[in-house]
Each structure stands twice: as C-alpha cells, then as structure tokens.
N, C-alpha and C. Protein backbone atom coordinates (compact mmCIF):
# COMPACT_ATOMS: atom_id res chain seq x y z
N LEU A 1 6.46 10.58 -37.85
CA LEU A 1 5.29 11.36 -37.46
C LEU A 1 5.42 12.78 -38.00
N ASP A 2 4.31 13.27 -38.45
CA ASP A 2 4.36 14.67 -38.86
C ASP A 2 4.28 15.54 -37.61
N PRO A 3 4.59 16.81 -37.73
CA PRO A 3 4.64 17.69 -36.54
C PRO A 3 3.35 17.71 -35.72
N ASN A 4 2.20 17.68 -36.39
CA ASN A 4 0.93 17.70 -35.65
C ASN A 4 0.73 16.42 -34.86
N GLU A 5 1.07 15.28 -35.43
CA GLU A 5 0.95 14.00 -34.73
C GLU A 5 1.92 13.94 -33.56
N ALA A 6 3.12 14.47 -33.77
CA ALA A 6 4.12 14.49 -32.70
C ALA A 6 3.64 15.35 -31.54
N MET A 7 3.06 16.50 -31.86
CA MET A 7 2.55 17.39 -30.81
C MET A 7 1.40 16.72 -30.07
N SER A 8 0.53 16.05 -30.80
CA SER A 8 -0.59 15.35 -30.19
C SER A 8 -0.11 14.22 -29.27
N ALA A 9 0.86 13.47 -29.76
CA ALA A 9 1.42 12.38 -28.95
C ALA A 9 2.08 12.93 -27.69
N GLN A 10 2.79 14.03 -27.83
CA GLN A 10 3.45 14.64 -26.67
C GLN A 10 2.41 15.10 -25.65
N GLN A 11 1.34 15.71 -26.11
CA GLN A 11 0.30 16.17 -25.19
C GLN A 11 -0.36 15.01 -24.45
N MET A 12 -0.49 13.87 -25.12
CA MET A 12 -1.10 12.70 -24.48
C MET A 12 -0.12 11.99 -23.55
N LEU A 13 1.13 11.87 -23.98
CA LEU A 13 2.08 11.03 -23.26
C LEU A 13 2.85 11.76 -22.16
N LEU A 14 3.02 13.05 -22.29
CA LEU A 14 3.80 13.79 -21.29
C LEU A 14 3.19 13.71 -19.89
N PRO A 15 1.88 13.91 -19.72
CA PRO A 15 1.32 13.75 -18.36
C PRO A 15 1.49 12.34 -17.81
N LYS A 16 1.34 11.34 -18.67
CA LYS A 16 1.52 9.96 -18.23
C LYS A 16 2.95 9.72 -17.80
N ALA A 17 3.90 10.25 -18.56
CA ALA A 17 5.31 10.11 -18.20
C ALA A 17 5.61 10.80 -16.87
N GLN A 18 5.02 11.98 -16.66
CA GLN A 18 5.24 12.71 -15.41
C GLN A 18 4.69 11.93 -14.22
N ARG A 19 3.51 11.34 -14.38
CA ARG A 19 2.94 10.52 -13.29
C ARG A 19 3.84 9.32 -13.00
N SER A 20 4.38 8.73 -14.04
CA SER A 20 5.29 7.59 -13.85
C SER A 20 6.55 8.01 -13.11
N ILE A 21 7.07 9.17 -13.45
CA ILE A 21 8.26 9.69 -12.75
C ILE A 21 7.94 9.90 -11.27
N ASP A 22 6.76 10.45 -10.99
CA ASP A 22 6.37 10.68 -9.60
C ASP A 22 6.26 9.36 -8.83
N VAL A 23 5.71 8.35 -9.47
CA VAL A 23 5.59 7.03 -8.83
C VAL A 23 6.97 6.45 -8.57
N ILE A 24 7.86 6.58 -9.53
CA ILE A 24 9.23 6.06 -9.37
C ILE A 24 9.95 6.79 -8.24
N LYS A 25 9.81 8.10 -8.17
CA LYS A 25 10.44 8.87 -7.09
C LYS A 25 9.94 8.40 -5.73
N GLN A 26 8.61 8.21 -5.61
CA GLN A 26 8.04 7.77 -4.34
C GLN A 26 8.52 6.36 -4.00
N THR A 27 8.63 5.51 -5.01
CA THR A 27 9.12 4.15 -4.79
C THR A 27 10.55 4.16 -4.28
N LEU A 28 11.38 5.02 -4.85
CA LEU A 28 12.77 5.14 -4.38
C LEU A 28 12.82 5.64 -2.94
N LEU A 29 12.00 6.62 -2.61
CA LEU A 29 11.95 7.13 -1.24
C LEU A 29 11.49 6.03 -0.27
N ASP A 30 10.46 5.29 -0.67
CA ASP A 30 9.97 4.19 0.17
C ASP A 30 11.03 3.11 0.35
N ALA A 31 11.75 2.79 -0.72
CA ALA A 31 12.80 1.77 -0.64
C ALA A 31 13.91 2.22 0.30
N ARG A 32 14.27 3.48 0.24
CA ARG A 32 15.32 4.01 1.12
C ARG A 32 14.85 4.00 2.58
N ALA A 33 13.60 4.38 2.80
CA ALA A 33 13.05 4.36 4.17
C ALA A 33 13.03 2.94 4.71
N LEU A 34 12.63 1.99 3.87
CA LEU A 34 12.62 0.59 4.30
C LEU A 34 14.03 0.09 4.58
N GLU A 35 14.96 0.47 3.72
CA GLU A 35 16.36 0.07 3.94
C GLU A 35 16.87 0.57 5.28
N LEU A 36 16.61 1.83 5.59
CA LEU A 36 17.05 2.40 6.87
C LEU A 36 16.35 1.74 8.06
N ALA A 37 15.06 1.40 7.87
CA ALA A 37 14.31 0.75 8.95
C ALA A 37 14.83 -0.65 9.23
N LEU A 38 15.32 -1.32 8.21
CA LEU A 38 15.78 -2.71 8.38
C LEU A 38 17.27 -2.81 8.69
N LEU A 39 17.97 -1.72 8.57
CA LEU A 39 19.41 -1.70 8.79
C LEU A 39 19.72 -2.01 10.25
N ASN A 40 20.61 -2.95 10.47
CA ASN A 40 21.01 -3.30 11.83
C ASN A 40 22.34 -2.62 12.10
N ASP A 41 22.25 -1.40 12.55
CA ASP A 41 23.43 -0.57 12.72
C ASP A 41 23.23 0.31 13.95
N PRO A 42 24.30 0.62 14.67
CA PRO A 42 24.14 1.47 15.86
C PRO A 42 23.52 2.83 15.56
N SER A 43 23.70 3.31 14.35
CA SER A 43 23.14 4.62 14.00
C SER A 43 21.71 4.52 13.48
N SER A 44 21.14 3.31 13.50
CA SER A 44 19.77 3.10 13.02
C SER A 44 18.78 3.80 13.95
N PRO A 45 17.61 4.11 13.42
CA PRO A 45 16.59 4.73 14.28
C PRO A 45 16.11 3.78 15.37
N ALA A 46 15.43 4.32 16.34
CA ALA A 46 14.88 3.52 17.44
C ALA A 46 13.87 2.52 16.90
N ASP A 47 13.67 1.44 17.65
CA ASP A 47 12.78 0.38 17.19
C ASP A 47 11.36 0.87 16.91
N ASP A 48 10.84 1.77 17.75
CA ASP A 48 9.47 2.25 17.52
C ASP A 48 9.37 3.03 16.21
N VAL A 49 10.44 3.74 15.86
CA VAL A 49 10.46 4.46 14.58
C VAL A 49 10.53 3.47 13.43
N ARG A 50 11.32 2.43 13.60
CA ARG A 50 11.42 1.40 12.56
C ARG A 50 10.06 0.75 12.32
N VAL A 51 9.41 0.34 13.39
CA VAL A 51 8.12 -0.33 13.26
C VAL A 51 7.11 0.61 12.61
N SER A 52 7.08 1.84 13.05
CA SER A 52 6.16 2.83 12.48
C SER A 52 6.41 3.02 10.98
N THR A 53 7.67 3.08 10.59
CA THR A 53 8.02 3.25 9.18
C THR A 53 7.55 2.06 8.37
N ILE A 54 7.84 0.87 8.85
CA ILE A 54 7.45 -0.34 8.12
C ILE A 54 5.93 -0.44 8.03
N GLU A 55 5.24 -0.16 9.12
CA GLU A 55 3.77 -0.21 9.09
C GLU A 55 3.19 0.80 8.12
N SER A 56 3.72 2.01 8.12
CA SER A 56 3.17 3.02 7.21
C SER A 56 3.45 2.67 5.75
N LEU A 57 4.60 2.08 5.48
CA LEU A 57 4.88 1.64 4.11
C LEU A 57 3.94 0.50 3.72
N TRP A 58 3.71 -0.41 4.64
CA TRP A 58 2.82 -1.54 4.36
C TRP A 58 1.40 -1.05 4.11
N GLU A 59 0.92 -0.16 4.97
CA GLU A 59 -0.45 0.33 4.84
C GLU A 59 -0.62 1.17 3.58
N ALA A 60 0.41 1.90 3.19
CA ALA A 60 0.32 2.71 1.97
C ALA A 60 0.17 1.83 0.74
N GLU A 61 0.73 0.64 0.80
CA GLU A 61 0.65 -0.27 -0.34
C GLU A 61 -0.67 -1.00 -0.40
N GLN A 62 -1.36 -1.08 0.70
CA GLN A 62 -2.60 -1.84 0.76
C GLN A 62 -3.76 -0.99 0.25
N GLU A 63 -4.50 -1.56 -0.66
CA GLU A 63 -5.71 -0.92 -1.13
C GLU A 63 -6.77 -1.17 -0.07
N GLU A 64 -7.42 -0.14 0.38
CA GLU A 64 -8.41 -0.35 1.43
C GLU A 64 -9.64 -1.01 0.84
N ILE A 65 -10.03 -2.10 1.45
CA ILE A 65 -11.21 -2.85 1.03
C ILE A 65 -12.30 -2.56 2.05
N ILE A 66 -13.45 -2.22 1.55
CA ILE A 66 -14.58 -1.95 2.44
C ILE A 66 -15.40 -3.24 2.55
N PHE A 67 -15.54 -3.73 3.77
CA PHE A 67 -16.30 -4.94 4.03
C PHE A 67 -17.67 -4.56 4.57
N SER A 68 -18.67 -5.32 4.17
CA SER A 68 -20.03 -5.08 4.67
C SER A 68 -20.11 -5.54 6.12
N GLU A 69 -21.20 -5.15 6.77
CA GLU A 69 -21.41 -5.56 8.16
C GLU A 69 -21.52 -7.08 8.25
N ASP A 70 -22.21 -7.70 7.27
CA ASP A 70 -22.34 -9.16 7.26
C ASP A 70 -20.98 -9.83 7.13
N GLU A 71 -20.12 -9.28 6.27
CA GLU A 71 -18.78 -9.85 6.09
C GLU A 71 -17.97 -9.74 7.38
N LEU A 72 -18.10 -8.62 8.05
CA LEU A 72 -17.33 -8.43 9.29
C LEU A 72 -17.88 -9.28 10.44
N ASN A 73 -19.10 -9.73 10.32
CA ASN A 73 -19.69 -10.59 11.35
C ASN A 73 -19.41 -12.07 11.11
N MET A 74 -18.76 -12.41 10.00
CA MET A 74 -18.40 -13.80 9.73
C MET A 74 -17.38 -14.27 10.75
N ASN A 75 -17.36 -15.57 10.98
CA ASN A 75 -16.30 -16.10 11.84
C ASN A 75 -15.04 -16.32 11.00
N MET A 76 -13.95 -16.58 11.68
CA MET A 76 -12.64 -16.72 11.03
C MET A 76 -12.64 -17.83 9.99
N LYS A 77 -13.27 -18.95 10.32
CA LYS A 77 -13.27 -20.11 9.43
C LYS A 77 -13.99 -19.78 8.10
N ASP A 78 -15.15 -19.13 8.20
CA ASP A 78 -15.90 -18.76 7.00
C ASP A 78 -15.15 -17.72 6.18
N ALA A 79 -14.52 -16.79 6.86
CA ALA A 79 -13.76 -15.75 6.15
C ALA A 79 -12.57 -16.35 5.41
N LYS A 80 -11.92 -17.31 6.03
CA LYS A 80 -10.77 -17.96 5.40
C LYS A 80 -11.21 -18.69 4.12
N LYS A 81 -12.39 -19.31 4.17
CA LYS A 81 -12.92 -19.98 2.97
C LYS A 81 -13.27 -18.96 1.89
N ARG A 82 -13.88 -17.89 2.30
CA ARG A 82 -14.36 -16.89 1.34
C ARG A 82 -13.21 -16.09 0.71
N TYR A 83 -12.24 -15.71 1.53
CA TYR A 83 -11.13 -14.89 1.04
C TYR A 83 -9.89 -15.77 0.91
N ASP A 84 -9.80 -16.46 -0.21
CA ASP A 84 -8.65 -17.36 -0.39
C ASP A 84 -7.37 -16.61 -0.71
N ASP A 85 -7.49 -15.33 -1.07
CA ASP A 85 -6.32 -14.49 -1.29
C ASP A 85 -5.80 -14.02 0.08
N PRO A 86 -4.54 -14.30 0.40
CA PRO A 86 -4.02 -13.93 1.73
C PRO A 86 -4.10 -12.43 2.04
N ASP A 87 -3.92 -11.59 1.06
CA ASP A 87 -3.98 -10.14 1.31
C ASP A 87 -5.40 -9.70 1.67
N THR A 88 -6.38 -10.26 0.99
CA THR A 88 -7.77 -9.92 1.29
C THR A 88 -8.15 -10.44 2.67
N PHE A 89 -7.70 -11.65 2.99
CA PHE A 89 -7.99 -12.22 4.31
C PHE A 89 -7.36 -11.36 5.41
N ARG A 90 -6.12 -10.92 5.20
CA ARG A 90 -5.46 -10.06 6.19
C ARG A 90 -6.22 -8.74 6.35
N ALA A 91 -6.68 -8.19 5.22
CA ALA A 91 -7.44 -6.94 5.27
C ALA A 91 -8.74 -7.15 6.05
N TRP A 92 -9.38 -8.30 5.85
CA TRP A 92 -10.61 -8.62 6.59
C TRP A 92 -10.31 -8.70 8.09
N LYS A 93 -9.21 -9.37 8.45
CA LYS A 93 -8.85 -9.48 9.87
C LYS A 93 -8.60 -8.11 10.49
N ARG A 94 -7.89 -7.24 9.76
CA ARG A 94 -7.64 -5.88 10.28
C ARG A 94 -8.95 -5.10 10.45
N ALA A 95 -9.83 -5.22 9.45
CA ALA A 95 -11.11 -4.51 9.52
C ALA A 95 -11.96 -5.03 10.68
N LYS A 96 -11.94 -6.34 10.87
CA LYS A 96 -12.71 -6.94 11.98
C LYS A 96 -12.15 -6.47 13.32
N LYS A 97 -10.83 -6.41 13.42
CA LYS A 97 -10.19 -5.96 14.66
C LYS A 97 -10.55 -4.50 14.94
N LYS A 98 -10.53 -3.68 13.90
CA LYS A 98 -10.90 -2.27 14.07
C LYS A 98 -12.35 -2.15 14.53
N MET A 99 -13.21 -2.97 13.94
CA MET A 99 -14.62 -2.94 14.31
C MET A 99 -14.79 -3.31 15.78
N ARG A 100 -14.04 -4.32 16.25
CA ARG A 100 -14.14 -4.75 17.65
C ARG A 100 -13.64 -3.67 18.59
N THR A 101 -12.56 -2.99 18.22
CA THR A 101 -12.01 -1.97 19.12
C THR A 101 -12.88 -0.73 19.16
N LYS A 102 -13.61 -0.44 18.07
CA LYS A 102 -14.52 0.71 18.04
C LYS A 102 -15.79 0.41 18.82
N GLY A 103 -16.23 -0.87 18.73
CA GLY A 103 -17.52 -1.28 19.32
C GLY A 103 -17.49 -1.23 20.79
C-alpha cells in the first residue's frame, strides 16, 4: 500500500478495531462476573446477588423484541406455533407476563 492508501485504511479500520476491543473487554468482564456467580465457594456472593448477576447478563444479551398487542393477546399454543425459535418464544412469554403484571 502506498502511504495515502495506508492512511485511508487506518482511518477506516481503527474505529472498527476500537469497537471490537471494547466488545472483547465487556465480554471478559461478563465472563468473570458469570464465573463468580456460578462459583460454589464459601467466599461466593449471596444467592440473591448471584441470581441478579445472571439475570442481568442474560437480559443484556437478549435483543428486545417489540410484540404487537395482537401478538401479546395470542394464547400459548398459537405463540408456540408462530415462534418456533426458542429465544423468540421466551421473549414473547416475558413480554406477555410483563403485560399481565402492568394490566
């Protein structure tokens, strides 16, 4: 590469590399938090802290799916047929539960 192409490539790739580094750092922090939450040791955190940590890691990984009112009014059987992906079905169940508790 000539110097201009190298500079151009650096300007394009450096921000992408930095974002990747940030993602990797967060992944390492999450892995360490999960390790500590699952550790069966007398010095481990209290159970409520463990559960909270695991739930927050799980929720952070989940992409929030917005369901329509009609979708949330479906029964379990119809939802299971419609959402054959287990993650989407779980998200639907959580959204339906939230809707019931708010209502």
